[in-house]
PDB file of N, CA and C in Angstrom:
ATOM      1  N   TRP A   1     123.521  77.151 114.506  1.00  0.00           N
ATOM      2  CA  TRP A   1     123.366  78.337 115.335  1.00  0.00           C
ATOM      3  C   TRP A   1     124.131  78.169 116.637  1.00  0.00           C
ATOM      4  N   LEU A   2     124.364  79.267 117.292  1.00  0.00           N
ATOM      5  CA  LEU A   2     125.153  79.203 118.517  1.00  0.00           C
ATOM      6  C   LEU A   2     124.403  78.562 119.668  1.00  0.00           C
ATOM      7  N   ILE A   3     123.141  78.916 119.822  1.00  0.00           N
ATOM      8  CA  ILE A   3     122.349  78.395 120.932  1.00  0.00           C
ATOM      9  C   ILE A   3     121.222  77.554 120.345  1.00  0.00           C
ATOM     10  N   PRO A   4     121.258  76.240 120.554  1.00  0.00           N
ATOM     11  CA  PRO A   4     120.197  75.413 119.977  1.00  0.00           C
ATOM     12  C   PRO A   4     118.866  75.613 120.700  1.00  0.00           C
ATOM     13  N   ARG A   5     117.807  75.360 120.001  1.00  0.00           N
ATOM     14  CA  ARG A   5     116.431  75.381 120.517  1.00  0.00           C
ATOM     15  C   ARG A   5     115.957  76.758 120.966  1.00  0.00           C
ATOM     16  N   MET A   6     116.527  77.800 120.463  1.00  0.00           N
ATOM     17  CA  MET A   6     115.988  79.135 120.740  1.00  0.00           C
ATOM     18  C   MET A   6     114.764  79.326 119.857  1.00  0.00           C
ATOM     19  N   PRO A   7     113.793  80.098 120.310  1.00  0.00           N
ATOM     20  CA  PRO A   7     112.585  80.283 119.500  1.00  0.00           C
ATOM     21  C   PRO A   7     112.884  81.030 118.201  1.00  0.00           C
ATOM     22  N   ASN A   8     112.109  80.699 117.183  1.00  0.00           N
ATOM     23  CA  ASN A   8     112.291  81.344 115.882  1.00  0.00           C
ATOM     24  C   ASN A   8     112.007  82.836 115.945  1.00  0.00           C
ATOM     25  N   GLU A   9     111.177  83.259 116.892  1.00  0.00           N
ATOM     26  CA  GLU A   9     110.875  84.682 117.026  1.00  0.00           C
ATOM     27  C   GLU A   9     112.138  85.493 117.312  1.00  0.00           C
ATOM     28  N   LEU A  10     113.066  84.908 118.051  1.00  0.00           N
ATOM     29  CA  LEU A  10     114.313  85.613 118.348  1.00  0.00           C
ATOM     30  C   LEU A  10     115.124  85.816 117.075  1.00  0.00           C
ATOM     31  N   TYR A  11     115.172  84.797 116.223  1.00  0.00           N
ATOM     32  CA  TYR A  11     115.913  84.924 114.971  1.00  0.00           C
ATOM     33  C   TYR A  11     115.260  85.945 114.049  1.00  0.00           C
ATOM     34  N   VAL A  12     113.939  85.934 113.985  1.00  0.00           N
ATOM     35  CA  VAL A  12     113.231  86.913 113.153  1.00  0.00           C
ATOM     36  C   VAL A  12     113.481  88.323 113.679  1.00  0.00           C
ATOM     37  N   ALA A  13     113.386  88.487 114.987  1.00  0.00           N
ATOM     38  CA  ALA A  13     113.628  89.804 115.583  1.00  0.00           C
ATOM     39  C   ALA A  13     115.062  90.255 115.339  1.00  0.00           C
ATOM     40  N   THR A  14     116.008  89.326 115.361  1.00  0.00           N
ATOM     41  CA  THR A  14     117.400  89.670 115.097  1.00  0.00           C
ATOM     42  C   THR A  14     117.565  90.233 113.691  1.00  0.00           C
ATOM     43  N   TYR A  15     116.957  89.565 112.719  1.00  0.00           N
ATOM     44  CA  TYR A  15     117.068  90.045 111.334  1.00  0.00           C
ATOM     45  C   TYR A  15     116.346  91.374 111.139  1.00  0.00           C
ATOM     46  N   VAL A  16     115.192  91.533 111.777  1.00  0.00           N
ATOM     47  CA  VAL A  16     114.448  92.793 111.644  1.00  0.00           C
ATOM     48  C   VAL A  16     115.231  93.944 112.272  1.00  0.00           C
ATOM     49  N   LEU A  17     115.770  93.721 113.455  1.00  0.00           N
ATOM     50  CA  LEU A  17     116.535  94.781 114.113  1.00  0.00           C
ATOM     51  C   LEU A  17     117.827  95.092 113.361  1.00  0.00           C
ATOM     52  N   ALA A  18     118.444  94.073 112.767  1.00  0.00           N
ATOM     53  CA  ALA A  18     119.631  94.327 111.945  1.00  0.00           C
ATOM     54  C   ALA A  18     119.265  95.159 110.721  1.00  0.00           C
ATOM     55  N   ALA A  19     118.101  94.878 110.134  1.00  0.00           N
ATOM     56  CA  ALA A  19     117.650  95.670 108.982  1.00  0.00           C
ATOM     57  C   ALA A  19     117.383  97.118 109.387  1.00  0.00           C
ATOM     58  N   VAL A  20     116.843  97.317 110.581  1.00  0.00           N
ATOM     59  CA  VAL A  20     116.611  98.682 111.069  1.00  0.00           C
ATOM     60  C   VAL A  20     117.943  99.411 111.230  1.00  0.00           C
ATOM     61  N   MET A  21     118.944  98.722 111.767  1.00  0.00           N
ATOM     62  CA  MET A  21     120.254  99.346 111.938  1.00  0.00           C
ATOM     63  C   MET A  21     120.890  99.682 110.588  1.00  0.00           C
ATOM     64  N   ILE A  22     120.780  98.786 109.638  1.00  0.00           N
ATOM     65  CA  ILE A  22     121.324  99.053 108.305  1.00  0.00           C
ATOM     66  C   ILE A  22     120.573 100.209 107.657  1.00  0.00           C
ATOM     67  N   GLY A  23     119.256 100.246 107.861  1.00  0.00           N
ATOM     68  CA  GLY A  23     118.465 101.357 107.334  1.00  0.00           C
ATOM     69  C   GLY A  23     118.886 102.688 107.927  1.00  0.00           C
ATOM     70  N   ALA A  24     119.247 102.687 109.202  1.00  0.00           N
ATOM     71  CA  ALA A  24     119.705 103.931 109.836  1.00  0.00           C
ATOM     72  C   ALA A  24     121.011 104.411 109.217  1.00  0.00           C
ATOM     73  N   VAL A  25     121.902 103.483 108.902  1.00  0.00           N
ATOM     74  CA  VAL A  25     123.165 103.871 108.268  1.00  0.00           C
ATOM     75  C   VAL A  25     122.910 104.410 106.861  1.00  0.00           C
ATOM     76  N   ILE A  26     121.999 103.787 106.138  1.00  0.00           N
ATOM     77  CA  ILE A  26     121.662 104.278 104.797  1.00  0.00           C
ATOM     78  C   ILE A  26     121.072 105.681 104.884  1.00  0.00           C
ATOM     79  N   MET A  27     120.201 105.901 105.865  1.00  0.00           N
ATOM     80  CA  MET A  27     119.634 107.238 106.044  1.00  0.00           C
ATOM     81  C   MET A  27     120.705 108.251 106.426  1.00  0.00           C
ATOM     82  N   LEU A  28     121.722 107.811 107.152  1.00  0.00           N
ATOM     83  CA  LEU A  28     122.839 108.695 107.491  1.00  0.00           C
ATOM     84  C   LEU A  28     123.564 109.148 106.225  1.00  0.00           C
ATOM     85  N   PHE A  29     123.784 108.224 105.304  1.00  0.00           N
ATOM     86  CA  PHE A  29     124.484 108.576 104.070  1.00  0.00           C
ATOM     87  C   PHE A  29     123.678 109.538 103.202  1.00  0.00           C
ATOM     88  N   PHE A  30     122.353 109.440 103.263  1.00  0.00           N
ATOM     89  CA  PHE A  30     121.507 110.346 102.484  1.00  0.00           C
ATOM     90  C   PHE A  30     121.207 111.650 103.220  1.00  0.00           C
ATOM     91  N   GLY A  31     121.704 111.787 104.432  1.00  0.00           N
ATOM     92  CA  GLY A  31     121.529 113.026 105.174  1.00  0.00           C
ATOM     93  C   GLY A  31     120.214 113.122 105.923  1.00  0.00           C
ATOM     94  N   LEU A  32     119.482 112.019 106.046  1.00  0.00           N
ATOM     95  CA  LEU A  32     118.213 112.049 106.767  1.00  0.00           C
ATOM     96  C   LEU A  32     118.404 111.917 108.276  1.00  0.00           C
ATOM     97  N   PHE A  33     119.495 111.302 108.702  1.00  0.00           N
ATOM     98  CA  PHE A  33     119.855 111.178 110.109  1.00  0.00           C
ATOM     99  C   PHE A  33     121.219 111.818 110.303  1.00  0.00           C
ATOM    100  N   ASN A  34     121.485 112.224 111.542  1.00  0.00           N
ATOM    101  CA  ASN A  34     122.848 112.601 111.881  1.00  0.00           C
ATOM    102  C   ASN A  34     123.440 111.483 112.747  1.00  0.00           C
ATOM    103  N   THR A  35     124.655 111.660 113.186  1.00  0.00           N
ATOM    104  CA  THR A  35     125.331 110.611 113.941  1.00  0.00           C
ATOM    105  C   THR A  35     124.605 110.297 115.247  1.00  0.00           C
ATOM    106  N   VAL A  36     124.088 111.308 115.903  1.00  0.00           N
ATOM    107  CA  VAL A  36     123.366 111.094 117.164  1.00  0.00           C
ATOM    108  C   VAL A  36     122.104 110.272 116.918  1.00  0.00           C
ATOM    109  N   GLY A  37     121.418 110.534 115.825  1.00  0.00           N
ATOM    110  CA  GLY A  37     120.226 109.757 115.493  1.00  0.00           C
ATOM    111  C   GLY A  37     120.547 108.294 115.269  1.00  0.00           C
ATOM    112  N   VAL A  38     121.640 108.032 114.578  1.00  0.00           N
ATOM    113  CA  VAL A  38     122.053 106.644 114.345  1.00  0.00           C
ATOM    114  C   VAL A  38     122.431 105.979 115.666  1.00  0.00           C
ATOM    115  N   GLU A  39     123.111 106.705 116.529  1.00  0.00           N
ATOM    116  CA  GLU A  39     123.468 106.148 117.834  1.00  0.00           C
ATOM    117  C   GLU A  39     122.223 105.825 118.652  1.00  0.00           C
ATOM    118  N   LEU A  40     121.225 106.686 118.600  1.00  0.00           N
ATOM    119  CA  LEU A  40     119.975 106.415 119.319  1.00  0.00           C
ATOM    120  C   LEU A  40     119.277 105.180 118.770  1.00  0.00           C
ATOM    121  N   VAL A  41     119.243 105.052 117.456  1.00  0.00           N
ATOM    122  CA  VAL A  41     118.631 103.867 116.844  1.00  0.00           C
ATOM    123  C   VAL A  41     119.390 102.616 117.266  1.00  0.00           C
ATOM    124  N   TYR A  42     120.711 102.664 117.206  1.00  0.00           N
ATOM    125  CA  TYR A  42     121.514 101.507 117.596  1.00  0.00           C
ATOM    126  C   TYR A  42     121.313 101.159 119.066  1.00  0.00           C
ATOM    127  N   PHE A  43     121.288 102.154 119.927  1.00  0.00           N
ATOM    128  CA  PHE A  43     121.130 101.896 121.356  1.00  0.00           C
ATOM    129  C   PHE A  43     119.775 101.265 121.656  1.00  0.00           C
ATOM    130  N   THR A  44     118.712 101.800 121.075  1.00  0.00           N
ATOM    131  CA  THR A  44     117.380 101.263 121.361  1.00  0.00           C
ATOM    132  C   THR A  44     117.191  99.879 120.761  1.00  0.00           C
ATOM    133  N   THR A  45     117.696  99.647 119.554  1.00  0.00           N
ATOM    134  CA  THR A  45     117.537  98.320 118.962  1.00  0.00           C
ATOM    135  C   THR A  45     118.392  97.287 119.686  1.00  0.00           C
ATOM    136  N   ALA A  46     119.586  97.670 120.097  1.00  0.00           N
ATOM    137  CA  ALA A  46     120.430  96.742 120.851  1.00  0.00           C
ATOM    138  C   ALA A  46     119.803  96.425 122.205  1.00  0.00           C
ATOM    139  N   GLY A  47     119.229  97.419 122.856  1.00  0.00           N
ATOM    140  CA  GLY A  47     118.549  97.173 124.129  1.00  0.00           C
ATOM    141  C   GLY A  47     117.338  96.278 123.971  1.00  0.00           C
ATOM    142  N   ALA A  48     116.564  96.509 122.922  1.00  0.00           N
ATOM    143  CA  ALA A  48     115.391  95.664 122.675  1.00  0.00           C
ATOM    144  C   ALA A  48     115.815  94.234 122.376  1.00  0.00           C
ATOM    145  N   TRP A  49     116.883  94.073 121.589  1.00  0.00           N
ATOM    146  CA  TRP A  49     117.350  92.729 121.272  1.00  0.00           C
ATOM    147  C   TRP A  49     117.862  92.022 122.527  1.00  0.00           C
ATOM    148  N   PHE A  50     118.547  92.747 123.397  1.00  0.00           N
ATOM    149  CA  PHE A  50     119.061  92.139 124.627  1.00  0.00           C
ATOM    150  C   PHE A  50     117.920  91.673 125.524  1.00  0.00           C
ATOM    151  N   VAL A  51     116.853  92.460 125.622  1.00  0.00           N
ATOM    152  CA  VAL A  51     115.683  92.056 126.412  1.00  0.00           C
ATOM    153  C   VAL A  51     115.055  90.803 125.813  1.00  0.00           C
ATOM    154  N   LEU A  52     114.923  90.750 124.496  1.00  0.00           N
ATOM    155  CA  LEU A  52     114.376  89.559 123.843  1.00  0.00           C
ATOM    156  C   LEU A  52     115.258  88.341 124.085  1.00  0.00           C
ATOM    157  N   LEU A  53     116.569  88.528 124.053  1.00  0.00           N
ATOM    158  CA  LEU A  53     117.483  87.419 124.310  1.00  0.00           C
ATOM    159  C   LEU A  53     117.327  86.899 125.732  1.00  0.00           C
ATOM    160  N   MET A  54     117.220  87.793 126.699  1.00  0.00           N
ATOM    161  CA  MET A  54     117.064  87.371 128.089  1.00  0.00           C
ATOM    162  C   MET A  54     115.738  86.637 128.300  1.00  0.00           C
ATOM    163  N   GLU A  55     114.661  87.140 127.706  1.00  0.00           N
ATOM    164  CA  GLU A  55     113.365  86.471 127.837  1.00  0.00           C
ATOM    165  C   GLU A  55     113.389  85.097 127.182  1.00  0.00           C
ATOM    166  N   SER A  56     114.001  84.996 126.021  1.00  0.00           N
ATOM    167  CA  SER A  56     114.077  83.712 125.325  1.00  0.00           C
ATOM    168  C   SER A  56     114.928  82.722 126.103  1.00  0.00           C
ATOM    169  N   THR A  57     116.024  83.197 126.670  1.00  0.00           N
ATOM    170  CA  THR A  57     116.881  82.325 127.467  1.00  0.00           C
ATOM    171  C   THR A  57     116.155  81.852 128.717  1.00  0.00           C
ATOM    172  N   GLU A  58     115.414  82.741 129.351  1.00  0.00           N
ATOM    173  CA  GLU A  58     114.660  82.367 130.545  1.00  0.00           C
ATOM    174  C   GLU A  58     113.598  81.321 130.216  1.00  0.00           C
ATOM    175  N   MET A  59     112.900  81.492 129.091  1.00  0.00           N
ATOM    176  CA  MET A  59     111.892  80.507 128.689  1.00  0.00           C
ATOM    177  C   MET A  59     112.534  79.174 128.338  1.00  0.00           C
ATOM    178  N   LEU A  60     113.715  79.206 127.712  1.00  0.00           N
ATOM    179  CA  LEU A  60     114.416  77.977 127.363  1.00  0.00           C
ATOM    180  C   LEU A  60     114.861  77.228 128.607  1.00  0.00           C
ATOM    181  N   VAL A  61     115.370  77.950 129.585  1.00  0.00           N
ATOM    182  CA  VAL A  61     115.799  77.318 130.836  1.00  0.00           C
ATOM    183  C   VAL A  61     114.600  76.736 131.571  1.00  0.00           C
ATOM    184  N   ALA A  62     113.488  77.460 131.607  1.00  0.00           N
ATOM    185  CA  ALA A  62     112.289  76.965 132.286  1.00  0.00           C
ATOM    186  C   ALA A  62     111.734  75.732 131.596  1.00  0.00           C
ATOM    187  N   ALA A  63     111.840  75.667 130.280  1.00  0.00           N
ATOM    188  CA  ALA A  63     111.298  74.522 129.544  1.00  0.00           C
ATOM    189  C   ALA A  63     112.180  73.289 129.674  1.00  0.00           C
ATOM    190  N   THR A  64     113.479  73.470 129.858  1.00  0.00           N
ATOM    191  CA  THR A  64     114.385  72.324 129.916  1.00  0.00           C
ATOM    192  C   THR A  64     114.759  71.923 131.334  1.00  0.00           C
ATOM    193  N   ALA A  65     114.430  72.733 132.319  1.00  0.00           N
ATOM    194  CA  ALA A  65     114.780  72.413 133.704  1.00  0.00           C
ATOM    195  C   ALA A  65     113.865  71.307 134.222  1.00  0.00           C
ATOM    196  N   PRO A  66     114.406  70.426 135.054  1.00  0.00           N
ATOM    197  CA  PRO A  66     113.545  69.391 135.635  1.00  0.00           C
ATOM    198  C   PRO A  66     112.541  70.008 136.610  1.00  0.00           C
ATOM    199  N   ALA A  67     111.398  69.385 136.687  1.00  0.00           N
ATOM    200  CA  ALA A  67     110.341  69.886 137.577  1.00  0.00           C
ATOM    201  C   ALA A  67     110.756  69.692 139.034  1.00  0.00           C
ATOM    202  N   THR A  68     110.508  70.710 139.837  1.00  0.00           N
ATOM    203  CA  THR A  68     110.811  70.624 141.264  1.00  0.00           C
ATOM    204  C   THR A  68     109.509  70.667 142.044  1.00  0.00           C
ATOM    205  N   ARG A  69     109.580  70.290 143.287  1.00  0.00           N
ATOM    206  CA  ARG A  69     108.380  70.241 144.122  1.00  0.00           C
ATOM    207  C   ARG A  69     107.929  71.573 144.439  1.00  0.00           C
TER     208      ARG A  69
END
């Protein structure tokens, strides 16, 4: 993996959000979503994933940083 020691929850969330994005494209092909709907799904899932990445990175830095006074 690119970043070692990241929590497994981040990897699970990545796969789940990728599945949601793929599902949105499939729904687009069947006519259940339009292009704007797919863009909204992509924007919200990408934003949620970015927040999870920042939280995971912050926890990783806090866990590996030396203790200060």
